[in-house]
Amino acid sequence: MTKRQAREYWERPLEGGRESGLTQVAYCTSHGLHIKSFSRWRSKAKEAAQAGNALLTLIPLSVTAPGRTGQYRFTVPGRENRTSKR
């Protein structure tokens, strides 16, 4: 089984475990799942969700047209300014 197949396989049991209201042990026992595998895939899913949220954070940005030097100025509130050559 490839990593992608394994991830797709575990999506349904992880969702079922969340919706069941049971403890991980009780859910795994009632569905014939190995608790260590369930816990590991649950941790991976949680990390992926947190990483995905961090990547999708939107921040305000203003861009100033290039000056004589041919550089753009990017301004992000609360952060130092960055300059990029075109």
PDB file of N, CA and C in Angstrom:
ATOM      1  N   MET A   1       0.852  -1.173   0.000  1.00  0.00           N
ATOM      2  CA  MET A   1       0.000   0.000   0.000  1.00  0.00           C
ATOM      3  C   MET A   1       0.901   1.240   0.000  1.00  0.00           C
ATOM      4  N   THR A   2       0.634   2.167  -0.921  1.00  0.00           N
ATOM      5  CA  THR A   2       1.413   3.410  -0.971  1.00  0.00           C
ATOM      6  C   THR A   2       0.993   4.334   0.170  1.00  0.00           C
ATOM      7  N   LYS A   3       1.803   5.367   0.409  1.00  0.00           N
ATOM      8  CA  LYS A   3       1.459   6.327   1.464  1.00  0.00           C
ATOM      9  C   LYS A   3       0.126   7.003   1.160  1.00  0.00           C
ATOM     10  N   ARG A   4      -0.083   7.312  -0.114  1.00  0.00           N
ATOM     11  CA  ARG A   4      -1.338   7.968  -0.495  1.00  0.00           C
ATOM     12  C   ARG A   4      -2.536   7.048  -0.235  1.00  0.00           C
ATOM     13  N   GLN A   5      -2.389   5.773  -0.592  1.00  0.00           N
ATOM     14  CA  GLN A   5      -3.470   4.813  -0.350  1.00  0.00           C
ATOM     15  C   GLN A   5      -3.727   4.667   1.144  1.00  0.00           C
ATOM     16  N   ALA A   6      -2.649   4.628   1.924  1.00  0.00           N
ATOM     17  CA  ALA A   6      -2.809   4.494   3.374  1.00  0.00           C
ATOM     18  C   ALA A   6      -3.520   5.714   3.949  1.00  0.00           C
ATOM     19  N   ARG A   7      -3.122   6.896   3.485  1.00  0.00           N
ATOM     20  CA  ARG A   7      -3.763   8.122   3.972  1.00  0.00           C
ATOM     21  C   ARG A   7      -5.247   8.122   3.616  1.00  0.00           C
ATOM     22  N   GLU A   8      -5.565   7.728   2.382  1.00  0.00           N
ATOM     23  CA  GLU A   8      -6.963   7.673   1.965  1.00  0.00           C
ATOM     24  C   GLU A   8      -7.734   6.613   2.753  1.00  0.00           C
ATOM     25  N   TYR A   9      -7.093   5.485   3.043  1.00  0.00           N
ATOM     26  CA  TYR A   9      -7.733   4.427   3.820  1.00  0.00           C
ATOM     27  C   TYR A   9      -8.110   4.924   5.215  1.00  0.00           C
ATOM     28  N   TRP A  10      -7.204   5.677   5.852  1.00  0.00           N
ATOM     29  CA  TRP A  10      -7.415   6.098   7.228  1.00  0.00           C
ATOM     30  C   TRP A  10      -8.349   7.294   7.365  1.00  0.00           C
ATOM     31  N   GLU A  11      -8.670   7.961   6.275  1.00  0.00           N
ATOM     32  CA  GLU A  11      -9.564   9.127   6.371  1.00  0.00           C
ATOM     33  C   GLU A  11     -10.919   8.755   6.971  1.00  0.00           C
ATOM     34  N   ARG A  12     -11.517   7.685   6.496  1.00  0.00           N
ATOM     35  CA  ARG A  12     -12.848   7.283   6.981  1.00  0.00           C
ATOM     36  C   ARG A  12     -12.826   6.850   8.451  1.00  0.00           C
ATOM     37  N   PRO A  13     -11.889   5.965   8.867  1.00  0.00           N
ATOM     38  CA  PRO A  13     -11.862   5.608  10.292  1.00  0.00           C
ATOM     39  C   PRO A  13     -11.585   6.798  11.212  1.00  0.00           C
ATOM     40  N   LEU A  14     -10.717   7.720  10.780  1.00  0.00           N
ATOM     41  CA  LEU A  14     -10.430   8.884  11.622  1.00  0.00           C
ATOM     42  C   LEU A  14     -11.663   9.759  11.772  1.00  0.00           C
ATOM     43  N   GLU A  15     -12.388   9.951  10.693  1.00  0.00           N
ATOM     44  CA  GLU A  15     -13.621  10.734  10.753  1.00  0.00           C
ATOM     45  C   GLU A  15     -14.656  10.024  11.625  1.00  0.00           C
ATOM     46  N   GLY A  16     -14.764   8.716  11.442  1.00  0.00           N
ATOM     47  CA  GLY A  16     -15.699   7.937  12.255  1.00  0.00           C
ATOM     48  C   GLY A  16     -15.365   8.008  13.730  1.00  0.00           C
ATOM     49  N   GLY A  17     -14.078   7.981  14.044  1.00  0.00           N
ATOM     50  CA  GLY A  17     -13.655   8.075  15.435  1.00  0.00           C
ATOM     51  C   GLY A  17     -14.024   9.422  16.046  1.00  0.00           C
ATOM     52  N   ARG A  18     -13.865  10.498  15.269  1.00  0.00           N
ATOM     53  CA  ARG A  18     -14.223  11.833  15.767  1.00  0.00           C
ATOM     54  C   ARG A  18     -15.729  11.925  16.010  1.00  0.00           C
ATOM     55  N   GLU A  19     -16.504  11.394  15.084  1.00  0.00           N
ATOM     56  CA  GLU A  19     -17.962  11.519  15.172  1.00  0.00           C
ATOM     57  C   GLU A  19     -18.593  10.561  16.171  1.00  0.00           C
ATOM     58  N   SER A  20     -17.888   9.488  16.528  1.00  0.00           N
ATOM     59  CA  SER A  20     -18.469   8.458  17.385  1.00  0.00           C
ATOM     60  C   SER A  20     -18.670   8.892  18.830  1.00  0.00           C
ATOM     61  N   GLY A  21     -17.808   9.790  19.304  1.00  0.00           N
ATOM     62  CA  GLY A  21     -17.875  10.187  20.706  1.00  0.00           C
ATOM     63  C   GLY A  21     -17.222   9.169  21.634  1.00  0.00           C
ATOM     64  N   LEU A  22     -16.667   8.099  21.059  1.00  0.00           N
ATOM     65  CA  LEU A  22     -15.995   7.073  21.854  1.00  0.00           C
ATOM     66  C   LEU A  22     -14.538   7.442  22.080  1.00  0.00           C
ATOM     67  N   THR A  23     -13.921   6.801  23.058  1.00  0.00           N
ATOM     68  CA  THR A  23     -12.481   6.954  23.218  1.00  0.00           C
ATOM     69  C   THR A  23     -11.807   6.259  22.048  1.00  0.00           C
ATOM     70  N   GLN A  24     -10.545   6.581  21.823  1.00  0.00           N
ATOM     71  CA  GLN A  24      -9.815   5.928  20.730  1.00  0.00           C
ATOM     72  C   GLN A  24      -9.784   4.415  20.915  1.00  0.00           C
ATOM     73  N   VAL A  25      -9.531   3.982  22.131  1.00  0.00           N
ATOM     74  CA  VAL A  25      -9.453   2.546  22.407  1.00  0.00           C
ATOM     75  C   VAL A  25     -10.794   1.873  22.121  1.00  0.00           C
ATOM     76  N   ALA A  26     -11.879   2.457  22.597  1.00  0.00           N
ATOM     77  CA  ALA A  26     -13.201   1.872  22.391  1.00  0.00           C
ATOM     78  C   ALA A  26     -13.552   1.838  20.906  1.00  0.00           C
ATOM     79  N   TYR A  27     -13.268   2.913  20.192  1.00  0.00           N
ATOM     80  CA  TYR A  27     -13.576   2.955  18.764  1.00  0.00           C
ATOM     81  C   TYR A  27     -12.760   1.912  18.005  1.00  0.00           C
ATOM     82  N   CYS A  28     -11.463   1.842  18.280  1.00  0.00           N
ATOM     83  CA  CYS A  28     -10.600   0.888  17.586  1.00  0.00           C
ATOM     84  C   CYS A  28     -11.006  -0.548  17.897  1.00  0.00           C
ATOM     85  N   THR A  29     -11.330  -0.828  19.149  1.00  0.00           N
ATOM     86  CA  THR A  29     -11.757  -2.169  19.535  1.00  0.00           C
ATOM     87  C   THR A  29     -13.031  -2.567  18.803  1.00  0.00           C
ATOM     88  N   SER A  30     -13.991  -1.653  18.739  1.00  0.00           N
ATOM     89  CA  SER A  30     -15.270  -1.978  18.101  1.00  0.00           C
ATOM     90  C   SER A  30     -15.169  -2.076  16.584  1.00  0.00           C
ATOM     91  N   HIS A  31     -14.105  -1.515  15.994  1.00  0.00           N
ATOM     92  CA  HIS A  31     -13.954  -1.563  14.536  1.00  0.00           C
ATOM     93  C   HIS A  31     -12.771  -2.409  14.075  1.00  0.00           C
ATOM     94  N   GLY A  32     -12.142  -3.116  15.012  1.00  0.00           N
ATOM     95  CA  GLY A  32     -11.034  -4.010  14.660  1.00  0.00           C
ATOM     96  C   GLY A  32      -9.801  -3.285  14.149  1.00  0.00           C
ATOM     97  N   LEU A  33      -9.539  -2.101  14.691  1.00  0.00           N
ATOM     98  CA  LEU A  33      -8.386  -1.309  14.274  1.00  0.00           C
ATOM     99  C   LEU A  33      -7.288  -1.376  15.317  1.00  0.00           C
ATOM    100  N   HIS A  34      -6.055  -1.308  14.880  1.00  0.00           N
ATOM    101  CA  HIS A  34      -4.915  -1.309  15.788  1.00  0.00           C
ATOM    102  C   HIS A  34      -4.764   0.104  16.361  1.00  0.00           C
ATOM    103  N   ILE A  35      -4.787   0.224  17.684  1.00  0.00           N
ATOM    104  CA  ILE A  35      -4.790   1.528  18.345  1.00  0.00           C
ATOM    105  C   ILE A  35      -3.539   2.352  18.013  1.00  0.00           C
ATOM    106  N   LYS A  36      -2.376   1.708  17.917  1.00  0.00           N
ATOM    107  CA  LYS A  36      -1.151   2.464  17.618  1.00  0.00           C
ATOM    108  C   LYS A  36      -1.204   3.053  16.210  1.00  0.00           C
ATOM    109  N   SER A  37      -1.703   2.290  15.261  1.00  0.00           N
ATOM    110  CA  SER A  37      -1.824   2.798  13.892  1.00  0.00           C
ATOM    111  C   SER A  37      -2.839   3.931  13.832  1.00  0.00           C
ATOM    112  N   PHE A  38      -3.960   3.752  14.511  1.00  0.00           N
ATOM    113  CA  PHE A  38      -4.995   4.785  14.544  1.00  0.00           C
ATOM    114  C   PHE A  38      -4.435   6.081  15.134  1.00  0.00           C
ATOM    115  N   SER A  39      -3.734   5.956  16.252  1.00  0.00           N
ATOM    116  CA  SER A  39      -3.163   7.130  16.918  1.00  0.00           C
ATOM    117  C   SER A  39      -2.125   7.822  16.046  1.00  0.00           C
ATOM    118  N   ARG A  40      -1.292   7.030  15.380  1.00  0.00           N
ATOM    119  CA  ARG A  40      -0.266   7.622  14.519  1.00  0.00           C
ATOM    120  C   ARG A  40      -0.902   8.380  13.364  1.00  0.00           C
ATOM    121  N   TRP A  41      -1.912   7.790  12.705  1.00  0.00           N
ATOM    122  CA  TRP A  41      -2.572   8.464  11.585  1.00  0.00           C
ATOM    123  C   TRP A  41      -3.388   9.661  12.053  1.00  0.00           C
ATOM    124  N   ARG A  42      -3.921   9.581  13.257  1.00  0.00           N
ATOM    125  CA  ARG A  42      -4.644  10.727  13.819  1.00  0.00           C
ATOM    126  C   ARG A  42      -3.688  11.894  14.042  1.00  0.00           C
ATOM    127  N   SER A  43      -2.483  11.606  14.557  1.00  0.00           N
ATOM    128  CA  SER A  43      -1.462  12.642  14.762  1.00  0.00           C
ATOM    129  C   SER A  43      -1.027  13.246  13.435  1.00  0.00           C
ATOM    130  N   LYS A  44      -0.824  12.392  12.421  1.00  0.00           N
ATOM    131  CA  LYS A  44      -0.421  12.888  11.103  1.00  0.00           C
ATOM    132  C   LYS A  44      -1.493  13.800  10.516  1.00  0.00           C
ATOM    133  N   ALA A  45      -2.754  13.414  10.656  1.00  0.00           N
ATOM    134  CA  ALA A  45      -3.855  14.219  10.127  1.00  0.00           C
ATOM    135  C   ALA A  45      -3.933  15.557  10.850  1.00  0.00           C
ATOM    136  N   LYS A  46      -3.721  15.529  12.158  1.00  0.00           N
ATOM    137  CA  LYS A  46      -3.763  16.764  12.947  1.00  0.00           C
ATOM    138  C   LYS A  46      -2.631  17.704  12.543  1.00  0.00           C
ATOM    139  N   GLU A  47      -1.420  17.167  12.369  1.00  0.00           N
ATOM    140  CA  GLU A  47      -0.279  17.974  11.943  1.00  0.00           C
ATOM    141  C   GLU A  47      -0.516  18.569  10.555  1.00  0.00           C
ATOM    142  N   ALA A  48      -1.057  17.757   9.653  1.00  0.00           N
ATOM    143  CA  ALA A  48      -1.327  18.236   8.296  1.00  0.00           C
ATOM    144  C   ALA A  48      -2.361  19.353   8.312  1.00  0.00           C
ATOM    145  N   ALA A  49      -3.372  19.209   9.149  1.00  0.00           N
ATOM    146  CA  ALA A  49      -4.408  20.245   9.244  1.00  0.00           C
ATOM    147  C   ALA A  49      -3.819  21.541   9.793  1.00  0.00           C
ATOM    148  N   GLN A  50      -2.969  21.430  10.806  1.00  0.00           N
ATOM    149  CA  GLN A  50      -2.345  22.621  11.385  1.00  0.00           C
ATOM    150  C   GLN A  50      -1.397  23.273  10.388  1.00  0.00           C
ATOM    151  N   ALA A  51      -0.644  22.482   9.675  1.00  0.00           N
ATOM    152  CA  ALA A  51       0.275  23.026   8.670  1.00  0.00           C
ATOM    153  C   ALA A  51      -0.509  23.671   7.541  1.00  0.00           C
ATOM    154  N   GLY A  52      -1.599  23.046   7.151  1.00  0.00           N
ATOM    155  CA  GLY A  52      -2.440  23.602   6.094  1.00  0.00           C
ATOM    156  C   GLY A  52      -3.041  24.920   6.500  1.00  0.00           C
ATOM    157  N   ASN A  53      -3.454  25.040   7.741  1.00  0.00           N
ATOM    158  CA  ASN A  53      -4.012  26.297   8.228  1.00  0.00           C
ATOM    159  C   ASN A  53      -2.965  27.394   8.212  1.00  0.00           C
ATOM    160  N   ALA A  54      -1.753  27.054   8.584  1.00  0.00           N
ATOM    161  CA  ALA A  54      -0.695  28.053   8.618  1.00  0.00           C
ATOM    162  C   ALA A  54      -0.372  28.552   7.216  1.00  0.00           C
ATOM    163  N   LEU A  55      -0.449  27.672   6.225  1.00  0.00           N
ATOM    164  CA  LEU A  55      -0.134  28.059   4.861  1.00  0.00           C
ATOM    165  C   LEU A  55      -1.216  28.930   4.248  1.00  0.00           C
ATOM    166  N   LEU A  56      -2.413  28.879   4.795  1.00  0.00           N
ATOM    167  CA  LEU A  56      -3.523  29.612   4.207  1.00  0.00           C
ATOM    168  C   LEU A  56      -3.847  30.916   4.931  1.00  0.00           C
ATOM    169  N   THR A  57      -2.967  31.347   5.792  1.00  0.00           N
ATOM    170  CA  THR A  57      -3.193  32.594   6.498  1.00  0.00           C
ATOM    171  C   THR A  57      -3.002  33.765   5.545  1.00  0.00           C
ATOM    172  N   LEU A  58      -4.003  34.606   5.439  1.00  0.00           N
ATOM    173  CA  LEU A  58      -3.924  35.771   4.573  1.00  0.00           C
ATOM    174  C   LEU A  58      -3.478  36.982   5.382  1.00  0.00           C
ATOM    175  N   ILE A  59      -2.606  37.769   4.795  1.00  0.00           N
ATOM    176  CA  ILE A  59      -2.142  38.987   5.448  1.00  0.00           C
ATOM    177  C   ILE A  59      -2.282  40.146   4.464  1.00  0.00           C
ATOM    178  N   PRO A  60      -2.544  41.354   4.973  1.00  0.00           N
ATOM    179  CA  PRO A  60      -2.631  42.504   4.083  1.00  0.00           C
ATOM    180  C   PRO A  60      -1.250  42.832   3.525  1.00  0.00           C
ATOM    181  N   LEU A  61      -1.208  43.264   2.298  1.00  0.00           N
ATOM    182  CA  LEU A  61       0.057  43.575   1.645  1.00  0.00           C
ATOM    183  C   LEU A  61      -0.156  44.747   0.708  1.00  0.00           C
ATOM    184  N   SER A  62       0.752  45.695   0.727  1.00  0.00           N
ATOM    185  CA  SER A  62       0.682  46.782  -0.255  1.00  0.00           C
ATOM    186  C   SER A  62       1.980  46.775  -1.048  1.00  0.00           C
ATOM    187  N   VAL A  63       1.868  47.074  -2.331  1.00  0.00           N
ATOM    188  CA  VAL A  63       3.012  47.056  -3.227  1.00  0.00           C
ATOM    189  C   VAL A  63       3.171  48.441  -3.826  1.00  0.00           C
ATOM    190  N   THR A  64       4.378  48.976  -3.732  1.00  0.00           N
ATOM    191  CA  THR A  64       4.685  50.271  -4.313  1.00  0.00           C
ATOM    192  C   THR A  64       5.368  50.033  -5.659  1.00  0.00           C
ATOM    193  N   ALA A  65       4.959  50.767  -6.676  1.00  0.00           N
ATOM    194  CA  ALA A  65       5.523  50.614  -8.022  1.00  0.00           C
ATOM    195  C   ALA A  65       7.037  50.814  -8.004  1.00  0.00           C
ATOM    196  N   PRO A  66       7.742  50.192  -8.944  1.00  0.00           N
ATOM    197  CA  PRO A  66       9.194  50.314  -8.957  1.00  0.00           C
ATOM    198  C   PRO A  66       9.648  51.752  -9.190  1.00  0.00           C
ATOM    199  N   GLY A  67      10.698  52.104  -8.500  1.00  0.00           N
ATOM    200  CA  GLY A  67      11.275  53.439  -8.663  1.00  0.00           C
ATOM    201  C   GLY A  67      12.391  53.402  -9.694  1.00  0.00           C
ATOM    202  N   ARG A  68      13.300  54.329  -9.592  1.00  0.00           N
ATOM    203  CA  ARG A  68      14.415  54.404 -10.542  1.00  0.00           C
ATOM    204  C   ARG A  68      15.309  53.180 -10.481  1.00  0.00           C
ATOM    205  N   THR A  69      15.343  52.520  -9.325  1.00  0.00           N
ATOM    206  CA  THR A  69      16.228  51.362  -9.168  1.00  0.00           C
ATOM    207  C   THR A  69      15.623  50.083  -9.745  1.00  0.00           C
ATOM    208  N   GLY A  70      14.352  50.133 -10.147  1.00  0.00           N
ATOM    209  CA  GLY A  70      13.695  48.939 -10.685  1.00  0.00           C
ATOM    210  C   GLY A  70      13.284  47.952  -9.608  1.00  0.00           C
ATOM    211  N   GLN A  71      13.163  48.429  -8.382  1.00  0.00           N
ATOM    212  CA  GLN A  71      12.786  47.562  -7.271  1.00  0.00           C
ATOM    213  C   GLN A  71      11.375  47.890  -6.793  1.00  0.00           C
ATOM    214  N   TYR A  72      10.651  46.838  -6.435  1.00  0.00           N
ATOM    215  CA  TYR A  72       9.328  46.990  -5.835  1.00  0.00           C
ATOM    216  C   TYR A  72       9.491  47.036  -4.326  1.00  0.00           C
ATOM    217  N   ARG A  73       8.604  47.729  -3.644  1.00  0.00           N
ATOM    218  CA  ARG A  73       8.615  47.735  -2.185  1.00  0.00           C
ATOM    219  C   ARG A  73       7.333  47.078  -1.700  1.00  0.00           C
ATOM    220  N   PHE A  74       7.506  46.014  -0.904  1.00  0.00           N
ATOM    221  CA  PHE A  74       6.385  45.282  -0.320  1.00  0.00           C
ATOM    222  C   PHE A  74       6.272  45.679   1.141  1.00  0.00           C
ATOM    223  N   THR A  75       5.093  46.070   1.557  1.00  0.00           N
ATOM    224  CA  THR A  75       4.887  46.504   2.925  1.00  0.00           C
ATOM    225  C   THR A  75       3.828  45.618   3.578  1.00  0.00           C
ATOM    226  N   VAL A  76       4.225  44.995   4.659  1.00  0.00           N
ATOM    227  CA  VAL A  76       3.319  44.154   5.436  1.00  0.00           C
ATOM    228  C   VAL A  76       3.230  44.768   6.826  1.00  0.00           C
ATOM    229  N   PRO A  77       2.036  45.117   7.278  1.00  0.00           N
ATOM    230  CA  PRO A  77       1.907  45.724   8.606  1.00  0.00           C
ATOM    231  C   PRO A  77       2.532  44.849   9.695  1.00  0.00           C
ATOM    232  N   GLY A  78       3.339  45.474  10.540  1.00  0.00           N
ATOM    233  CA  GLY A  78       3.940  44.742  11.657  1.00  0.00           C
ATOM    234  C   GLY A  78       5.214  43.997  11.302  1.00  0.00           C
ATOM    235  N   ARG A  79       5.660  44.080  10.057  1.00  0.00           N
ATOM    236  CA  ARG A  79       6.886  43.394   9.651  1.00  0.00           C
ATOM    237  C   ARG A  79       7.800  44.376   8.929  1.00  0.00           C
ATOM    238  N   GLU A  80       9.072  44.048   8.898  1.00  0.00           N
ATOM    239  CA  GLU A  80       9.987  44.931   8.172  1.00  0.00           C
ATOM    240  C   GLU A  80       9.702  44.865   6.684  1.00  0.00           C
ATOM    241  N   ASN A  81      10.014  45.905   5.979  1.00  0.00           N
ATOM    242  CA  ASN A  81       9.760  45.968   4.543  1.00  0.00           C
ATOM    243  C   ASN A  81      10.746  45.087   3.782  1.00  0.00           C
ATOM    244  N   ARG A  82      10.270  44.514   2.706  1.00  0.00           N
ATOM    245  CA  ARG A  82      11.092  43.680   1.842  1.00  0.00           C
ATOM    246  C   ARG A  82      11.174  44.345   0.463  1.00  0.00           C
ATOM    247  N   THR A  83      12.307  44.237  -0.169  1.00  0.00           N
ATOM    248  CA  THR A  83      12.478  44.781  -1.505  1.00  0.00           C
ATOM    249  C   THR A  83      12.832  43.646  -2.453  1.00  0.00           C
ATOM    250  N   SER A  84      12.248  43.673  -3.630  1.00  0.00           N
ATOM    251  CA  SER A  84      12.494  42.629  -4.614  1.00  0.00           C
ATOM    252  C   SER A  84      12.820  43.254  -5.961  1.00  0.00           C
ATOM    253  N   LYS A  85      13.889  42.762  -6.582  1.00  0.00           N
ATOM    254  CA  LYS A  85      14.236  43.252  -7.914  1.00  0.00           C
ATOM    255  C   LYS A  85      13.342  42.586  -8.942  1.00  0.00           C
ATOM    256  N   ARG A  86      13.032  43.343  -9.954  1.00  0.00           N
ATOM    257  CA  ARG A  86      12.178  42.805 -11.013  1.00  0.00           C
ATOM    258  C   ARG A  86      13.003  42.185 -12.087  1.00  0.00           C
TER     259      ARG A  86
END
